[in-house]
Amino acid sequence: MSANSLPWFRYHPDPVASGSVRESADTCACCNRRTGWVYTATFYTAQDVDGPVCPWCIADGSAAERFDGEFTDAYGLDGVSVETLVEVTRRTPGFHAWQDPHWLVHCNDAAAFIGEVGHTELAAHPEALDRLRLDLRMSGWHDASQLEDFLTRLGQAASAMLFRCTICGTHLAYADAS
């Protein structure tokens, strides 16, 4: 199976680029097939899963069902429909983060995860940078010069998780630091 034949995920359109899915000869712990691709990010389950799962078992929901798990926590998904909540948590690849990853919402829908970015990539989306700056001020960053220093260092000791609204195309981000 090639990357072109990977299942499409509305809320994580390029899981290979984000590092959540990679080529592998491993057997999927859910379907017991060697698809050529495995999932590499978080999977929250109380069960012991003996090996990785493939993107197809994520897309059709069989991995989440079989192992009673979720690929993303529901934190941050306030206001989305139950169908969207299930789609993001149980049928969409999660992503790697230093802190617990969470999904962003815009226009009452989950946004699409684009990837982990530094300041240069984030600056290409000024609406995301401005919103992140506002969110950080609201969370306690009162010194403007320290805040700007932190933002310009994104990609070093911290990163931004970049999302795009699936409805209007607005970019959003949150900071992820160790």
C-alpha atoms as a PDB file:
ATOM      1  CA  MET A   1       0.000   0.000   0.000  1.00  0.00           C
ATOM      2  CA  SER A   2       1.349   3.433  -0.852  1.00  0.00           C
ATOM      3  CA  ALA A   3       1.052   6.783   0.923  1.00  0.00           C
ATOM      4  CA  ASN A   4      -1.438   7.773  -1.766  1.00  0.00           C
ATOM      5  CA  SER A   5      -3.709   4.945  -0.667  1.00  0.00           C
ATOM      6  CA  LEU A   6      -3.666   5.855   3.022  1.00  0.00           C
ATOM      7  CA  PRO A   7      -7.093   6.611   4.455  1.00  0.00           C
ATOM      8  CA  TRP A   8      -8.030  10.288   4.433  1.00  0.00           C
ATOM      9  CA  PHE A   9      -8.577  11.941   7.818  1.00  0.00           C
ATOM     10  CA  ARG A  10     -10.619  15.152   7.760  1.00  0.00           C
ATOM     11  CA  TYR A  11      -9.118  16.345  11.037  1.00  0.00           C
ATOM     12  CA  HIS A  12      -5.523  15.214  10.386  1.00  0.00           C
ATOM     13  CA  PRO A  13      -5.014  15.486   6.616  1.00  0.00           C
ATOM     14  CA  ASP A  14      -1.304  14.568   6.516  1.00  0.00           C
ATOM     15  CA  PRO A  15      -0.404  12.193   9.373  1.00  0.00           C
ATOM     16  CA  VAL A  16       2.768  11.118   7.548  1.00  0.00           C
ATOM     17  CA  ALA A  17       4.128  14.693   7.457  1.00  0.00           C
ATOM     18  CA  SER A  18       3.238  15.211  11.129  1.00  0.00           C
ATOM     19  CA  GLY A  19       5.046  12.011  12.105  1.00  0.00           C
ATOM     20  CA  SER A  20       1.934  10.278  13.432  1.00  0.00           C
ATOM     21  CA  VAL A  21       2.045   7.608  10.726  1.00  0.00           C
ATOM     22  CA  ARG A  22       5.201   6.090   9.267  1.00  0.00           C
ATOM     23  CA  GLU A  23       6.185   3.314   6.905  1.00  0.00           C
ATOM     24  CA  SER A  24       6.767  -0.003   8.651  1.00  0.00           C
ATOM     25  CA  ALA A  25       6.856  -3.729   8.033  1.00  0.00           C
ATOM     26  CA  ASP A  26       5.197  -4.313  11.436  1.00  0.00           C
ATOM     27  CA  THR A  27       1.944  -6.206  11.747  1.00  0.00           C
ATOM     28  CA  CYS A  28      -1.094  -4.259  12.938  1.00  0.00           C
ATOM     29  CA  ALA A  29      -2.146  -5.330  16.446  1.00  0.00           C
ATOM     30  CA  CYS A  30      -5.803  -4.899  15.461  1.00  0.00           C
ATOM     31  CA  CYS A  31      -6.226  -6.467  12.001  1.00  0.00           C
ATOM     32  CA  ASN A  32      -3.062  -8.616  12.021  1.00  0.00           C
ATOM     33  CA  ARG A  33      -2.093  -7.350   8.538  1.00  0.00           C
ATOM     34  CA  ARG A  34       1.134  -5.802   7.311  1.00  0.00           C
ATOM     35  CA  THR A  35      -0.170  -2.715   5.577  1.00  0.00           C
ATOM     36  CA  GLY A  36       3.201  -0.982   5.242  1.00  0.00           C
ATOM     37  CA  TRP A  37       2.144   1.812   7.604  1.00  0.00           C
ATOM     38  CA  VAL A  38       1.746   2.140  11.384  1.00  0.00           C
ATOM     39  CA  TYR A  39       0.530   4.765  13.817  1.00  0.00           C
ATOM     40  CA  THR A  40       3.240   6.193  16.112  1.00  0.00           C
ATOM     41  CA  ALA A  41       1.555   8.725  18.427  1.00  0.00           C
ATOM     42  CA  THR A  42      -0.590   8.412  21.564  1.00  0.00           C
ATOM     43  CA  PHE A  43      -3.256   5.791  22.146  1.00  0.00           C
ATOM     44  CA  TYR A  44      -5.110   5.972  25.446  1.00  0.00           C
ATOM     45  CA  THR A  45      -6.346   2.558  26.547  1.00  0.00           C
ATOM     46  CA  ALA A  46      -6.283   0.475  29.729  1.00  0.00           C
ATOM     47  CA  GLN A  47      -5.571  -2.639  27.652  1.00  0.00           C
ATOM     48  CA  ASP A  48      -2.176  -4.004  26.719  1.00  0.00           C
ATOM     49  CA  VAL A  49      -1.818  -3.501  22.982  1.00  0.00           C
ATOM     50  CA  ASP A  50       0.891  -5.769  21.605  1.00  0.00           C
ATOM     51  CA  GLY A  51       2.288  -3.632  18.795  1.00  0.00           C
ATOM     52  CA  PRO A  52       1.244  -0.707  16.636  1.00  0.00           C
ATOM     53  CA  VAL A  53      -2.043  -0.254  14.808  1.00  0.00           C
ATOM     54  CA  CYS A  54      -2.434   0.652  11.149  1.00  0.00           C
ATOM     55  CA  PRO A  55      -4.125   3.804   9.790  1.00  0.00           C
ATOM     56  CA  TRP A  56      -6.997   1.753   8.325  1.00  0.00           C
ATOM     57  CA  CYS A  57      -7.940   0.375  11.758  1.00  0.00           C
ATOM     58  CA  ILE A  58      -7.929   3.956  13.050  1.00  0.00           C
ATOM     59  CA  ALA A  59     -10.047   5.254  10.152  1.00  0.00           C
ATOM     60  CA  ASP A  60     -12.736   2.591  10.412  1.00  0.00           C
ATOM     61  CA  GLY A  61     -12.849   2.791  14.220  1.00  0.00           C
ATOM     62  CA  SER A  62     -11.918  -0.857  14.741  1.00  0.00           C
ATOM     63  CA  ALA A  63      -8.760  -0.117  16.782  1.00  0.00           C
ATOM     64  CA  ALA A  64     -10.610   2.191  19.189  1.00  0.00           C
ATOM     65  CA  GLU A  65     -13.451  -0.310  19.480  1.00  0.00           C
ATOM     66  CA  ARG A  66     -11.314  -3.431  19.907  1.00  0.00           C
ATOM     67  CA  PHE A  67      -8.998  -1.872  22.498  1.00  0.00           C
ATOM     68  CA  ASP A  68     -11.594   0.495  24.037  1.00  0.00           C
ATOM     69  CA  GLY A  69      -9.298   3.437  23.505  1.00  0.00           C
ATOM     70  CA  GLU A  70      -8.934   6.937  22.136  1.00  0.00           C
ATOM     71  CA  PHE A  71      -6.227   8.523  20.002  1.00  0.00           C
ATOM     72  CA  THR A  72      -6.886  11.993  21.399  1.00  0.00           C
ATOM     73  CA  ASP A  73      -8.365  13.214  24.650  1.00  0.00           C
ATOM     74  CA  ALA A  74     -11.678  15.064  24.373  1.00  0.00           C
ATOM     75  CA  TYR A  75     -10.180  18.075  26.199  1.00  0.00           C
ATOM     76  CA  GLY A  76     -10.719  21.224  24.145  1.00  0.00           C
ATOM     77  CA  LEU A  77     -13.445  19.765  21.936  1.00  0.00           C
ATOM     78  CA  ASP A  78     -16.234  21.693  23.679  1.00  0.00           C
ATOM     79  CA  GLY A  79     -19.173  22.626  21.477  1.00  0.00           C
ATOM     80  CA  VAL A  80     -18.628  20.077  18.709  1.00  0.00           C
ATOM     81  CA  SER A  81     -21.231  17.479  17.782  1.00  0.00           C
ATOM     82  CA  VAL A  82     -21.098  13.973  19.249  1.00  0.00           C
ATOM     83  CA  GLU A  83     -20.244  12.680  15.762  1.00  0.00           C
ATOM     84  CA  THR A  84     -17.269  15.043  15.511  1.00  0.00           C
ATOM     85  CA  LEU A  85     -16.129  14.154  19.024  1.00  0.00           C
ATOM     86  CA  VAL A  86     -16.125  10.449  18.099  1.00  0.00           C
ATOM     87  CA  GLU A  87     -14.426  11.151  14.759  1.00  0.00           C
ATOM     88  CA  VAL A  88     -11.554  13.065  16.392  1.00  0.00           C
ATOM     89  CA  THR A  89     -11.025  10.901  19.477  1.00  0.00           C
ATOM     90  CA  ARG A  90     -11.634   7.429  18.039  1.00  0.00           C
ATOM     91  CA  ARG A  91     -11.148   7.623  14.247  1.00  0.00           C
ATOM     92  CA  THR A  92      -8.395  10.214  13.719  1.00  0.00           C
ATOM     93  CA  PRO A  93      -4.663   9.818  14.376  1.00  0.00           C
ATOM     94  CA  GLY A  94      -3.441  11.883  17.298  1.00  0.00           C
ATOM     95  CA  PHE A  95      -0.097  13.651  17.274  1.00  0.00           C
ATOM     96  CA  HIS A  96       3.127  13.859  19.255  1.00  0.00           C
ATOM     97  CA  ALA A  97       3.442  16.633  21.828  1.00  0.00           C
ATOM     98  CA  TRP A  98       5.596  17.431  24.842  1.00  0.00           C
ATOM     99  CA  GLN A  99       2.526  18.054  26.976  1.00  0.00           C
ATOM    100  CA  ASP A 100      -0.803  16.287  26.622  1.00  0.00           C
ATOM    101  CA  PRO A 101      -1.959  17.055  23.077  1.00  0.00           C
ATOM    102  CA  HIS A 102      -5.367  18.612  22.604  1.00  0.00           C
ATOM    103  CA  TRP A 103      -7.508  19.565  19.644  1.00  0.00           C
ATOM    104  CA  LEU A 104      -8.592  23.099  18.788  1.00  0.00           C
ATOM    105  CA  VAL A 105     -12.100  24.103  17.722  1.00  0.00           C
ATOM    106  CA  HIS A 106     -13.274  26.887  15.394  1.00  0.00           C
ATOM    107  CA  CYS A 107     -16.682  27.555  13.791  1.00  0.00           C
ATOM    108  CA  ASN A 108     -18.196  24.900  16.105  1.00  0.00           C
ATOM    109  CA  ASP A 109     -16.131  22.172  14.448  1.00  0.00           C
ATOM    110  CA  ALA A 110     -12.840  20.520  15.284  1.00  0.00           C
ATOM    111  CA  ALA A 111      -9.987  22.101  13.357  1.00  0.00           C
ATOM    112  CA  ALA A 112      -7.620  20.060  11.179  1.00  0.00           C
ATOM    113  CA  PHE A 113      -4.215  19.402  12.704  1.00  0.00           C
ATOM    114  CA  ILE A 114      -1.502  20.646  10.329  1.00  0.00           C
ATOM    115  CA  GLY A 115       1.611  19.985  12.380  1.00  0.00           C
ATOM    116  CA  GLU A 116       4.161  21.101  14.911  1.00  0.00           C
ATOM    117  CA  VAL A 117       5.770  24.393  13.844  1.00  0.00           C
ATOM    118  CA  GLY A 118       8.283  26.973  14.948  1.00  0.00           C
ATOM    119  CA  HIS A 119       8.062  30.753  14.811  1.00  0.00           C
ATOM    120  CA  THR A 120       8.952  31.043  11.116  1.00  0.00           C
ATOM    121  CA  GLU A 121       6.163  28.698  10.018  1.00  0.00           C
ATOM    122  CA  LEU A 122       3.707  30.226  12.478  1.00  0.00           C
ATOM    123  CA  ALA A 123       4.504  33.765  11.300  1.00  0.00           C
ATOM    124  CA  ALA A 124       3.227  32.725   7.850  1.00  0.00           C
ATOM    125  CA  HIS A 125      -0.218  32.562   9.504  1.00  0.00           C
ATOM    126  CA  PRO A 126      -0.542  35.910  11.335  1.00  0.00           C
ATOM    127  CA  GLU A 127      -4.068  35.137  12.565  1.00  0.00           C
ATOM    128  CA  ALA A 128      -2.735  32.055  14.374  1.00  0.00           C
ATOM    129  CA  LEU A 129       0.222  33.971  15.819  1.00  0.00           C
ATOM    130  CA  ASP A 130      -2.033  36.811  17.006  1.00  0.00           C
ATOM    131  CA  ARG A 131      -4.492  34.393  18.597  1.00  0.00           C
ATOM    132  CA  LEU A 132      -1.673  32.497  20.319  1.00  0.00           C
ATOM    133  CA  ARG A 133      -0.260  35.786  21.608  1.00  0.00           C
ATOM    134  CA  LEU A 134      -3.709  36.701  23.025  1.00  0.00           C
ATOM    135  CA  ASP A 135      -4.188  33.242  24.577  1.00  0.00           C
ATOM    136  CA  LEU A 136      -0.788  33.434  26.263  1.00  0.00           C
ATOM    137  CA  ARG A 137      -1.530  36.915  27.625  1.00  0.00           C
ATOM    138  CA  MET A 138      -4.816  35.648  29.043  1.00  0.00           C
ATOM    139  CA  SER A 139      -2.993  32.730  30.681  1.00  0.00           C
ATOM    140  CA  GLY A 140      -0.651  34.986  32.593  1.00  0.00           C
ATOM    141  CA  TRP A 141       2.046  36.346  30.281  1.00  0.00           C
ATOM    142  CA  HIS A 142       2.003  40.022  31.300  1.00  0.00           C
ATOM    143  CA  ASP A 143       5.507  41.026  30.238  1.00  0.00           C
ATOM    144  CA  ALA A 144       5.222  41.802  26.511  1.00  0.00           C
ATOM    145  CA  SER A 145       8.963  41.519  25.814  1.00  0.00           C
ATOM    146  CA  GLN A 146       9.178  38.096  27.500  1.00  0.00           C
ATOM    147  CA  LEU A 147       6.147  36.950  25.525  1.00  0.00           C
ATOM    148  CA  GLU A 148       7.649  38.091  22.233  1.00  0.00           C
ATOM    149  CA  ASP A 149      10.956  36.445  23.128  1.00  0.00           C
ATOM    150  CA  PHE A 150       9.095  33.182  23.822  1.00  0.00           C
ATOM    151  CA  LEU A 151       7.209  33.408  20.523  1.00  0.00           C
ATOM    152  CA  THR A 152      10.356  34.056  18.474  1.00  0.00           C
ATOM    153  CA  ARG A 153      11.976  30.994  20.091  1.00  0.00           C
ATOM    154  CA  LEU A 154       9.170  28.647  19.058  1.00  0.00           C
ATOM    155  CA  GLY A 155      10.816  25.663  17.445  1.00  0.00           C
ATOM    156  CA  GLN A 156      13.599  25.538  20.027  1.00  0.00           C
ATOM    157  CA  ALA A 157      12.507  24.911  23.649  1.00  0.00           C
ATOM    158  CA  ALA A 158       8.841  25.010  22.686  1.00  0.00           C
ATOM    159  CA  SER A 159       6.711  24.522  19.607  1.00  0.00           C
ATOM    160  CA  ALA A 160       3.345  25.587  18.325  1.00  0.00           C
ATOM    161  CA  MET A 161       0.715  23.101  17.254  1.00  0.00           C
ATOM    162  CA  LEU A 162      -0.850  24.514  14.084  1.00  0.00           C
ATOM    163  CA  PHE A 163      -4.460  23.824  13.074  1.00  0.00           C
ATOM    164  CA  ARG A 164      -6.718  25.059  10.266  1.00  0.00           C
ATOM    165  CA  CYS A 165     -10.471  25.543  10.577  1.00  0.00           C
ATOM    166  CA  THR A 166     -12.282  23.040   8.351  1.00  0.00           C
ATOM    167  CA  ILE A 167     -15.108  25.539   7.790  1.00  0.00           C
ATOM    168  CA  CYS A 168     -13.510  28.966   7.169  1.00  0.00           C
ATOM    169  CA  GLY A 169      -9.807  28.157   6.769  1.00  0.00           C
ATOM    170  CA  THR A 170      -8.616  30.285   9.698  1.00  0.00           C
ATOM    171  CA  HIS A 171      -5.346  29.048  11.236  1.00  0.00           C
ATOM    172  CA  LEU A 172      -5.095  28.485  14.986  1.00  0.00           C
ATOM    173  CA  ALA A 173      -2.269  27.394  17.259  1.00  0.00           C
ATOM    174  CA  TYR A 174      -1.364  26.605  20.816  1.00  0.00           C
ATOM    175  CA  ALA A 175       2.063  26.512  22.449  1.00  0.00           C
ATOM    176  CA  ASP A 176       3.527  23.214  23.580  1.00  0.00           C
ATOM    177  CA  ALA A 177       6.568  23.373  25.844  1.00  0.00           C
ATOM    178  CA  SER A 178       8.544  20.822  27.797  1.00  0.00           C
END
